[in-house]
Amino acid sequence: MKIAEVARASFVPGKLPAGMDMGLIEAAVVAPPGPTFPNGCHVCEGEIDAETGRVEIVRYVVVDDVGIMLNQLMVNGQVHGGIVQGAGQMLIERVVYDSDIGQLLTGIFMDNAMPRADDFPSFDIEANEVPAKTNSLGFKGAGEGGTVGALPAIANAVLDALAPLGVQHLDMPFTPERVWRVI
């Protein structure tokens, strides 16, 4: 019997075994026995222009364990996007509200900076695939790993560069103006 014949027969009640639902549609709910924990290490090397306060990321290295990867190119893309999103949050994006009425003043891209590809070097991304023990395929997840690692990696790079000046804390975002003022 060809697959097309099987499909047609699945909608004829007289051709189905007793108690079988019509059609080829099936659903299942799978509840894994526990959570998975992807992990990794992010290291950022940055330089600060003392005249302008601009932070430049000159090297960024990541080693991530997302479990077994089906497609390394797609995982690397998620990591790239996460790093850029985290860098935008740390260096240029600022949410500003009107202090009198609470109106958001930076709600569109014309009011707020957005990271661009030419703001970054090539990222060095390595994988350490350790299969998860909570699912049969060994997956852990990669969706937000870049963002989670980028925030502290970039903050540490900037504060390390400013440490000789006695700077131990700086509120984010580390905009050129804020960095220049502490210098």
C-alpha atoms as a PDB file:
ATOM      1  CA  MET A   1       0.000   0.000   0.000  1.00  0.00           C
ATOM      2  CA  LYS A   2       1.352   3.447  -0.912  1.00  0.00           C
ATOM      3  CA  ILE A   3       1.506   6.219   1.705  1.00  0.00           C
ATOM      4  CA  ALA A   4      -1.141   8.258  -0.144  1.00  0.00           C
ATOM      5  CA  GLU A   5      -3.530   5.277   0.084  1.00  0.00           C
ATOM      6  CA  VAL A   6      -2.843   4.946   3.810  1.00  0.00           C
ATOM      7  CA  ALA A   7      -3.593   8.639   4.280  1.00  0.00           C
ATOM      8  CA  ARG A   8      -6.896   8.395   2.364  1.00  0.00           C
ATOM      9  CA  ALA A   9      -7.921   5.229   4.220  1.00  0.00           C
ATOM     10  CA  SER A  10      -7.276   6.910   7.588  1.00  0.00           C
ATOM     11  CA  PHE A  11     -10.334   9.103   6.955  1.00  0.00           C
ATOM     12  CA  VAL A  12     -12.704   6.202   6.174  1.00  0.00           C
ATOM     13  CA  PRO A  13     -14.198   4.912   9.454  1.00  0.00           C
ATOM     14  CA  GLY A  14     -14.910   1.427   8.057  1.00  0.00           C
ATOM     15  CA  LYS A  15     -11.256   0.877   7.159  1.00  0.00           C
ATOM     16  CA  LEU A  16      -9.884   1.721  10.626  1.00  0.00           C
ATOM     17  CA  PRO A  17      -9.343  -0.648  13.546  1.00  0.00           C
ATOM     18  CA  ALA A  18     -11.948  -0.412  16.318  1.00  0.00           C
ATOM     19  CA  GLY A  19     -11.333   2.534  18.671  1.00  0.00           C
ATOM     20  CA  MET A  20      -8.890   4.299  16.371  1.00  0.00           C
ATOM     21  CA  ASP A  21      -9.453   8.012  15.673  1.00  0.00           C
ATOM     22  CA  MET A  22      -9.765   9.182  12.075  1.00  0.00           C
ATOM     23  CA  GLY A  23      -6.846  10.899  10.342  1.00  0.00           C
ATOM     24  CA  LEU A  24      -3.093  10.895  10.725  1.00  0.00           C
ATOM     25  CA  ILE A  25      -2.955  13.588  13.402  1.00  0.00           C
ATOM     26  CA  GLU A  26      -1.366  12.770  16.724  1.00  0.00           C
ATOM     27  CA  ALA A  27      -0.329  14.796  19.735  1.00  0.00           C
ATOM     28  CA  ALA A  28       1.798  14.059  22.755  1.00  0.00           C
ATOM     29  CA  VAL A  29       2.977  15.889  25.835  1.00  0.00           C
ATOM     30  CA  VAL A  30       6.476  15.044  26.951  1.00  0.00           C
ATOM     31  CA  ALA A  31       7.589  16.120  30.397  1.00  0.00           C
ATOM     32  CA  PRO A  32      11.312  15.674  30.962  1.00  0.00           C
ATOM     33  CA  PRO A  33      12.375  14.428  34.389  1.00  0.00           C
ATOM     34  CA  GLY A  34      14.158  17.678  35.187  1.00  0.00           C
ATOM     35  CA  PRO A  35      15.686  20.880  33.821  1.00  0.00           C
ATOM     36  CA  THR A  36      18.818  21.175  31.748  1.00  0.00           C
ATOM     37  CA  PHE A  37      21.595  23.623  32.486  1.00  0.00           C
ATOM     38  CA  PRO A  38      23.591  24.936  29.538  1.00  0.00           C
ATOM     39  CA  ASN A  39      26.756  26.692  30.621  1.00  0.00           C
ATOM     40  CA  GLY A  40      29.757  28.431  29.240  1.00  0.00           C
ATOM     41  CA  CYS A  41      32.526  30.926  29.657  1.00  0.00           C
ATOM     42  CA  HIS A  42      32.688  34.328  27.966  1.00  0.00           C
ATOM     43  CA  VAL A  43      35.811  36.489  27.890  1.00  0.00           C
ATOM     44  CA  CYS A  44      35.791  40.007  26.479  1.00  0.00           C
ATOM     45  CA  GLU A  45      38.820  42.146  25.703  1.00  0.00           C
ATOM     46  CA  GLY A  46      38.049  45.802  25.276  1.00  0.00           C
ATOM     47  CA  GLU A  47      39.812  49.083  24.749  1.00  0.00           C
ATOM     48  CA  ILE A  48      38.665  52.516  25.855  1.00  0.00           C
ATOM     49  CA  ASP A  49      39.441  55.710  23.987  1.00  0.00           C
ATOM     50  CA  ALA A  50      40.357  58.134  26.806  1.00  0.00           C
ATOM     51  CA  GLU A  51      39.505  61.159  24.639  1.00  0.00           C
ATOM     52  CA  THR A  52      35.932  60.066  23.866  1.00  0.00           C
ATOM     53  CA  GLY A  53      35.081  57.347  26.406  1.00  0.00           C
ATOM     54  CA  ARG A  54      34.113  54.982  23.588  1.00  0.00           C
ATOM     55  CA  VAL A  55      34.477  51.294  24.438  1.00  0.00           C
ATOM     56  CA  GLU A  56      35.632  49.032  21.631  1.00  0.00           C
ATOM     57  CA  ILE A  57      35.347  45.268  21.901  1.00  0.00           C
ATOM     58  CA  VAL A  58      38.554  44.038  20.292  1.00  0.00           C
ATOM     59  CA  ARG A  59      38.278  40.321  21.066  1.00  0.00           C
ATOM     60  CA  TYR A  60      35.496  38.101  22.340  1.00  0.00           C
ATOM     61  CA  VAL A  61      35.907  34.394  23.090  1.00  0.00           C
ATOM     62  CA  VAL A  62      33.143  31.972  24.083  1.00  0.00           C
ATOM     63  CA  VAL A  63      33.178  28.314  25.044  1.00  0.00           C
ATOM     64  CA  ASP A  64      29.610  27.056  25.428  1.00  0.00           C
ATOM     65  CA  ASP A  65      28.123  23.738  26.471  1.00  0.00           C
ATOM     66  CA  VAL A  66      24.630  23.520  25.046  1.00  0.00           C
ATOM     67  CA  GLY A  67      24.572  19.757  25.080  1.00  0.00           C
ATOM     68  CA  ILE A  68      24.397  17.995  21.742  1.00  0.00           C
ATOM     69  CA  MET A  69      24.076  20.435  18.829  1.00  0.00           C
ATOM     70  CA  LEU A  70      21.937  19.526  15.850  1.00  0.00           C
ATOM     71  CA  ASN A  71      23.301  22.417  13.816  1.00  0.00           C
ATOM     72  CA  GLN A  72      26.432  24.207  15.004  1.00  0.00           C
ATOM     73  CA  LEU A  73      25.945  27.060  12.535  1.00  0.00           C
ATOM     74  CA  MET A  74      22.515  27.831  14.003  1.00  0.00           C
ATOM     75  CA  VAL A  75      23.817  27.601  17.581  1.00  0.00           C
ATOM     76  CA  ASN A  76      26.689  29.953  16.706  1.00  0.00           C
ATOM     77  CA  GLY A  77      24.155  32.354  15.193  1.00  0.00           C
ATOM     78  CA  GLN A  78      22.158  32.331  18.435  1.00  0.00           C
ATOM     79  CA  VAL A  79      25.333  32.975  20.420  1.00  0.00           C
ATOM     80  CA  HIS A  80      26.348  35.819  18.066  1.00  0.00           C
ATOM     81  CA  GLY A  81      22.928  37.418  18.388  1.00  0.00           C
ATOM     82  CA  GLY A  82      22.971  37.054  22.156  1.00  0.00           C
ATOM     83  CA  ILE A  83      26.412  38.637  22.485  1.00  0.00           C
ATOM     84  CA  VAL A  84      25.356  41.589  20.339  1.00  0.00           C
ATOM     85  CA  GLN A  85      22.124  41.989  22.299  1.00  0.00           C
ATOM     86  CA  GLY A  86      24.045  41.912  25.588  1.00  0.00           C
ATOM     87  CA  ALA A  87      26.643  44.353  24.269  1.00  0.00           C
ATOM     88  CA  GLY A  88      23.898  46.723  23.166  1.00  0.00           C
ATOM     89  CA  GLN A  89      22.389  46.602  26.636  1.00  0.00           C
ATOM     90  CA  MET A  90      25.774  47.163  28.312  1.00  0.00           C
ATOM     91  CA  LEU A  91      27.186  49.851  26.035  1.00  0.00           C
ATOM     92  CA  ILE A  92      24.575  51.908  24.224  1.00  0.00           C
ATOM     93  CA  GLU A  93      20.923  51.145  24.888  1.00  0.00           C
ATOM     94  CA  ARG A  94      19.227  53.266  27.503  1.00  0.00           C
ATOM     95  CA  VAL A  95      15.605  53.233  28.600  1.00  0.00           C
ATOM     96  CA  VAL A  96      14.571  56.752  29.572  1.00  0.00           C
ATOM     97  CA  TYR A  97      11.223  57.825  31.018  1.00  0.00           C
ATOM     98  CA  ASP A  98       9.886  61.334  31.530  1.00  0.00           C
ATOM     99  CA  SER A  99      10.268  61.953  35.265  1.00  0.00           C
ATOM    100  CA  ASP A 100       6.974  63.849  35.540  1.00  0.00           C
ATOM    101  CA  ILE A 101       4.504  61.642  33.674  1.00  0.00           C
ATOM    102  CA  GLY A 102       6.369  58.355  33.208  1.00  0.00           C
ATOM    103  CA  GLN A 103       6.188  58.462  29.401  1.00  0.00           C
ATOM    104  CA  LEU A 104       8.808  56.279  27.691  1.00  0.00           C
ATOM    105  CA  LEU A 105      11.116  58.624  25.758  1.00  0.00           C
ATOM    106  CA  THR A 106      13.333  56.055  24.028  1.00  0.00           C
ATOM    107  CA  GLY A 107      10.742  53.722  22.556  1.00  0.00           C
ATOM    108  CA  ILE A 108      11.873  53.705  18.916  1.00  0.00           C
ATOM    109  CA  PHE A 109      15.200  53.164  17.183  1.00  0.00           C
ATOM    110  CA  MET A 110      15.450  56.864  16.297  1.00  0.00           C
ATOM    111  CA  ASP A 111      15.586  57.598  20.035  1.00  0.00           C
ATOM    112  CA  ASN A 112      17.867  54.766  21.029  1.00  0.00           C
ATOM    113  CA  ALA A 113      21.106  53.362  19.693  1.00  0.00           C
ATOM    114  CA  MET A 114      21.213  49.891  18.207  1.00  0.00           C
ATOM    115  CA  PRO A 115      24.296  47.677  17.904  1.00  0.00           C
ATOM    116  CA  ARG A 116      25.548  47.052  14.371  1.00  0.00           C
ATOM    117  CA  ALA A 117      27.802  44.407  12.886  1.00  0.00           C
ATOM    118  CA  ASP A 118      30.662  46.863  12.353  1.00  0.00           C
ATOM    119  CA  ASP A 119      30.740  47.532  16.120  1.00  0.00           C
ATOM    120  CA  PHE A 120      32.165  44.050  16.739  1.00  0.00           C
ATOM    121  CA  PRO A 121      35.141  41.874  15.906  1.00  0.00           C
ATOM    122  CA  SER A 122      34.675  38.297  14.763  1.00  0.00           C
ATOM    123  CA  PHE A 123      33.710  36.194  17.747  1.00  0.00           C
ATOM    124  CA  ASP A 124      35.741  33.111  18.634  1.00  0.00           C
ATOM    125  CA  ILE A 125      33.164  30.451  19.512  1.00  0.00           C
ATOM    126  CA  GLU A 126      34.026  26.965  20.663  1.00  0.00           C
ATOM    127  CA  ALA A 127      31.731  24.173  21.789  1.00  0.00           C
ATOM    128  CA  ASN A 128      32.075  21.758  24.680  1.00  0.00           C
ATOM    129  CA  GLU A 129      29.281  19.283  23.985  1.00  0.00           C
ATOM    130  CA  VAL A 130      28.364  17.455  27.190  1.00  0.00           C
ATOM    131  CA  PRO A 131      25.061  15.604  26.659  1.00  0.00           C
ATOM    132  CA  ALA A 132      22.220  16.435  29.025  1.00  0.00           C
ATOM    133  CA  LYS A 133      21.155  13.482  31.119  1.00  0.00           C
ATOM    134  CA  THR A 134      17.530  14.604  31.358  1.00  0.00           C
ATOM    135  CA  ASN A 135      16.538  13.888  27.748  1.00  0.00           C
ATOM    136  CA  SER A 136      17.331  11.130  25.311  1.00  0.00           C
ATOM    137  CA  LEU A 137      18.829  13.474  22.690  1.00  0.00           C
ATOM    138  CA  GLY A 138      21.231  15.216  25.081  1.00  0.00           C
ATOM    139  CA  PHE A 139      19.983  18.741  24.310  1.00  0.00           C
ATOM    140  CA  LYS A 140      20.387  21.623  26.782  1.00  0.00           C
ATOM    141  CA  GLY A 141      19.550  24.826  24.923  1.00  0.00           C
ATOM    142  CA  ALA A 142      21.334  27.818  23.412  1.00  0.00           C
ATOM    143  CA  GLY A 143      18.790  30.587  22.987  1.00  0.00           C
ATOM    144  CA  GLU A 144      19.966  33.112  25.578  1.00  0.00           C
ATOM    145  CA  GLY A 145      23.471  31.927  26.421  1.00  0.00           C
ATOM    146  CA  GLY A 146      25.121  34.737  24.472  1.00  0.00           C
ATOM    147  CA  THR A 147      23.152  37.421  26.272  1.00  0.00           C
ATOM    148  CA  VAL A 148      23.668  35.934  29.726  1.00  0.00           C
ATOM    149  CA  GLY A 149      27.443  35.708  29.260  1.00  0.00           C
ATOM    150  CA  ALA A 150      27.924  39.020  27.463  1.00  0.00           C
ATOM    151  CA  LEU A 151      26.650  41.239  30.262  1.00  0.00           C
ATOM    152  CA  PRO A 152      29.245  40.314  32.908  1.00  0.00           C
ATOM    153  CA  ALA A 153      32.042  39.727  30.378  1.00  0.00           C
ATOM    154  CA  ILE A 154      31.720  43.247  28.951  1.00  0.00           C
ATOM    155  CA  ALA A 155      31.189  44.823  32.381  1.00  0.00           C
ATOM    156  CA  ASN A 156      34.333  43.113  33.685  1.00  0.00           C
ATOM    157  CA  ALA A 157      36.376  44.233  30.661  1.00  0.00           C
ATOM    158  CA  VAL A 158      35.322  47.880  31.059  1.00  0.00           C
ATOM    159  CA  LEU A 159      35.766  47.962  34.837  1.00  0.00           C
ATOM    160  CA  ASP A 160      39.135  46.224  34.515  1.00  0.00           C
ATOM    161  CA  ALA A 161      40.276  48.912  32.068  1.00  0.00           C
ATOM    162  CA  LEU A 162      39.068  51.660  34.430  1.00  0.00           C
ATOM    163  CA  ALA A 163      40.484  50.057  37.615  1.00  0.00           C
ATOM    164  CA  PRO A 164      43.829  51.943  37.446  1.00  0.00           C
ATOM    165  CA  LEU A 165      41.783  55.148  37.746  1.00  0.00           C
ATOM    166  CA  GLY A 166      40.110  53.870  40.914  1.00  0.00           C
ATOM    167  CA  VAL A 167      36.761  53.144  39.237  1.00  0.00           C
ATOM    168  CA  GLN A 168      35.071  50.165  40.876  1.00  0.00           C
ATOM    169  CA  HIS A 169      31.475  50.733  39.790  1.00  0.00           C
ATOM    170  CA  LEU A 170      29.716  52.246  36.801  1.00  0.00           C
ATOM    171  CA  ASP A 171      25.998  52.181  36.114  1.00  0.00           C
ATOM    172  CA  MET A 172      25.033  50.690  32.776  1.00  0.00           C
ATOM    173  CA  PRO A 173      24.855  51.445  29.989  1.00  0.00           C
ATOM    174  CA  PHE A 174      28.549  52.217  29.665  1.00  0.00           C
ATOM    175  CA  THR A 175      27.938  54.950  27.112  1.00  0.00           C
ATOM    176  CA  PRO A 176      30.900  56.965  25.851  1.00  0.00           C
ATOM    177  CA  GLU A 177      29.680  59.944  27.896  1.00  0.00           C
ATOM    178  CA  ARG A 178      29.487  57.973  31.160  1.00  0.00           C
ATOM    179  CA  VAL A 179      32.873  56.358  30.610  1.00  0.00           C
ATOM    180  CA  TRP A 180      34.452  59.696  29.634  1.00  0.00           C
ATOM    181  CA  ARG A 181      33.049  61.368  32.782  1.00  0.00           C
ATOM    182  CA  VAL A 182      34.604  58.762  35.102  1.00  0.00           C
ATOM    183  CA  ILE A 183      37.927  59.040  33.267  1.00  0.00           C
END
